[in-house]
Amino acid sequence: MKGISLTLNNKLVFNKEFYNRKEKREVNKFIGGLDKKIYKTLVFTIAAISFTSNKAYASLDKGLEKTDVYGHQLLIIVQRVGFWVCVIGCIVEILISVFKKGGGQKEILSLVFKWLLIFCSFYIVPLLFKSAAEFFS
C-alpha cells in the first residue's frame, strides 16, 4: 500500500514517487468509471487494510478445536432431543395402530423397529462421517 493512501475526506491519494503521470491517469480513469457503491467499497477496503497491522494473532487449529467442541455439544443435544421424540413418536404410533386400526403384533414390531432405526441414525451417521474423515486423512 505504498502507492495508494486515503485522506480524511475519503479521497484516494497517490504517492508521486511510486506512480508516473500515465499510471495516474489510468488509475483515475478506472476509479472515475466505477459505480458509487463499488467506489465506496473500494475506499472502505483500502482504509480497513491500511489500519490493520501485519501481525496475525489467529490460529487455525484453535478455531477448529472450538468448532469441534460446539459441534459435539450440538450433536449431543440433538441426540438427547431425538431420543425423546423417537420414544414419544413410537408410543403415539403404537397407540394409533392398536386403537384406530386394530393392529397386531407384526404391525407394532414394524413400528418399533422403524423408530429404533430412526433413533440409531442419530448415532450411526456421525460415526460414519468420523470414520470417513479418518479414512481419507
Protein backbone atom coordinates (compact mmCIF):
# COMPACT_ATOMS: atom_id res chain seq x y z
CA MET A 1 0.00 0.00 0.00
CA LYS A 2 2.96 2.31 -0.59
CA GLY A 3 1.39 3.98 -3.61
CA ILE A 4 -2.22 4.49 -2.53
CA SER A 5 -3.46 6.19 0.63
CA LEU A 6 -6.60 7.92 1.88
CA THR A 7 -7.14 11.45 3.13
CA LEU A 8 -9.60 12.34 5.87
CA ASN A 9 -12.28 13.25 3.29
CA ASN A 10 -12.02 9.79 1.61
CA LYS A 11 -10.09 10.89 -1.47
CA LEU A 12 -7.55 8.49 -2.91
CA VAL A 13 -4.05 9.99 -2.96
CA PHE A 14 -1.19 8.54 -4.96
CA ASN A 15 2.45 8.68 -3.96
CA LYS A 16 4.25 10.75 -6.60
CA GLU A 17 7.44 8.73 -6.27
CA PHE A 18 5.58 5.48 -6.86
CA TYR A 19 3.47 6.31 -9.92
CA ASN A 20 4.24 8.29 -13.00
CA ARG A 21 1.71 10.54 -14.74
CA LYS A 22 0.47 7.93 -17.22
CA GLU A 23 -0.32 5.43 -14.48
CA LYS A 24 -2.13 8.16 -12.52
CA ARG A 25 -4.35 8.91 -15.48
CA GLU A 26 -5.14 5.21 -15.95
CA VAL A 27 -6.00 4.76 -12.29
CA ASN A 28 -8.12 7.95 -12.24
CA LYS A 29 -9.92 6.80 -15.39
CA PHE A 30 -10.59 3.40 -13.77
CA ILE A 31 -11.83 4.90 -10.50
CA GLY A 32 -13.91 7.53 -12.29
CA GLY A 33 -15.74 4.80 -14.21
CA LEU A 34 -16.73 2.87 -11.09
CA ASP A 35 -20.21 2.80 -9.67
CA LYS A 36 -20.65 4.83 -6.45
CA LYS A 37 -21.26 1.69 -4.35
CA ILE A 38 -18.16 -0.01 -5.76
CA TYR A 39 -16.13 3.18 -5.21
CA LYS A 40 -17.27 3.41 -1.59
CA THR A 41 -16.50 -0.28 -1.09
CA LEU A 42 -13.04 0.22 -2.58
CA VAL A 43 -12.36 3.22 -0.34
CA PHE A 44 -13.57 1.34 2.74
CA THR A 45 -11.49 -1.74 1.87
CA ILE A 46 -8.31 0.27 1.35
CA ALA A 47 -8.92 2.14 4.60
CA ALA A 48 -9.56 -1.09 6.53
CA ILE A 49 -6.43 -2.72 5.13
CA SER A 50 -4.28 0.32 5.88
CA PHE A 51 -5.38 0.41 9.52
CA THR A 52 -4.70 -3.24 10.24
CA SER A 53 -1.33 -4.41 11.44
CA ASN A 54 0.75 -7.08 9.77
CA LYS A 55 0.65 -9.37 12.78
CA ALA A 56 -1.79 -12.24 12.79
CA TYR A 57 -2.93 -13.49 16.18
CA ALA A 58 -5.40 -16.11 14.99
CA SER A 59 -4.64 -19.79 14.97
CA LEU A 60 -6.50 -22.09 12.64
CA ASP A 61 -6.11 -25.07 14.98
CA LYS A 62 -7.67 -23.31 17.98
CA GLY A 63 -10.60 -22.10 15.89
CA LEU A 64 -11.27 -25.58 14.59
CA GLU A 65 -10.99 -27.06 18.08
CA LYS A 66 -13.72 -24.69 19.24
CA THR A 67 -15.82 -25.66 16.23
CA ASP A 68 -15.40 -29.33 17.12
CA VAL A 69 -16.37 -28.68 20.75
CA TYR A 70 -19.50 -26.72 19.83
CA GLY A 71 -20.42 -29.19 17.10
CA HIS A 72 -20.10 -32.09 19.54
CA GLN A 73 -22.27 -30.27 22.09
CA LEU A 74 -24.89 -29.61 19.42
CA LEU A 75 -24.80 -33.27 18.38
CA ILE A 76 -25.36 -34.38 21.99
CA ILE A 77 -28.35 -32.03 22.27
CA VAL A 78 -29.84 -33.36 19.02
CA GLN A 79 -29.30 -36.96 20.18
CA ARG A 80 -31.00 -36.35 23.53
CA VAL A 81 -33.93 -34.49 22.00
CA GLY A 82 -34.12 -37.12 19.27
CA PHE A 83 -34.33 -39.86 21.90
CA TRP A 84 -37.47 -38.39 23.43
CA VAL A 85 -39.01 -37.52 20.06
CA CYS A 86 -38.49 -41.12 18.93
CA VAL A 87 -39.84 -42.62 22.15
CA ILE A 88 -42.95 -40.43 22.17
CA GLY A 89 -43.46 -40.81 18.40
CA CYS A 90 -43.20 -44.59 18.66
CA ILE A 91 -45.67 -44.78 21.53
CA VAL A 92 -48.13 -42.49 19.75
CA GLU A 93 -47.96 -44.54 16.56
CA ILE A 94 -48.41 -47.77 18.52
CA LEU A 95 -51.50 -46.33 20.24
CA ILE A 96 -52.92 -45.13 16.91
CA SER A 97 -52.19 -48.51 15.34
CA VAL A 98 -53.81 -50.50 18.11
CA PHE A 99 -56.89 -48.36 18.84
CA LYS A 100 -57.78 -46.99 15.40
CA LYS A 101 -56.54 -49.65 13.02
CA GLY A 102 -56.70 -52.68 15.28
CA GLY A 103 -53.07 -53.52 14.51
CA GLY A 104 -51.48 -56.69 15.73
CA GLN A 105 -48.08 -57.84 16.86
CA LYS A 106 -46.44 -57.61 13.41
CA GLU A 107 -47.53 -54.01 12.90
CA ILE A 108 -46.35 -53.00 16.38
CA LEU A 109 -42.96 -54.64 15.82
CA SER A 110 -42.55 -52.88 12.48
CA LEU A 111 -43.34 -49.53 14.15
CA VAL A 112 -40.87 -50.19 16.97
CA PHE A 113 -38.12 -51.14 14.51
CA LYS A 114 -38.90 -48.10 12.34
CA TRP A 115 -38.50 -45.71 15.28
CA LEU A 116 -35.49 -47.64 16.58
CA LEU A 117 -33.81 -47.24 13.18
CA ILE A 118 -34.57 -43.52 13.21
CA PHE A 119 -33.05 -43.21 16.68
CA CYS A 120 -29.98 -45.29 15.76
CA SER A 121 -29.34 -42.99 12.81
CA PHE A 122 -28.57 -40.17 15.27
CA TYR A 123 -25.54 -42.19 16.39
CA ILE A 124 -24.63 -44.14 13.25
CA VAL A 125 -24.44 -41.16 10.86
CA PRO A 126 -21.89 -39.17 12.95
CA LEU A 127 -19.86 -42.39 13.41
CA LEU A 128 -19.83 -42.98 9.64
CA PHE A 129 -18.73 -39.42 8.96
CA LYS A 130 -15.91 -39.66 11.54
CA SER A 131 -14.79 -42.96 10.04
CA ALA A 132 -14.80 -41.48 6.52
CA ALA A 133 -12.78 -38.47 7.71
CA GLU A 134 -10.20 -40.75 9.35
CA PHE A 135 -10.06 -42.93 6.24
CA PHE A 136 -9.31 -40.02 3.90
CA SER A 137 -6.87 -38.20 6.20
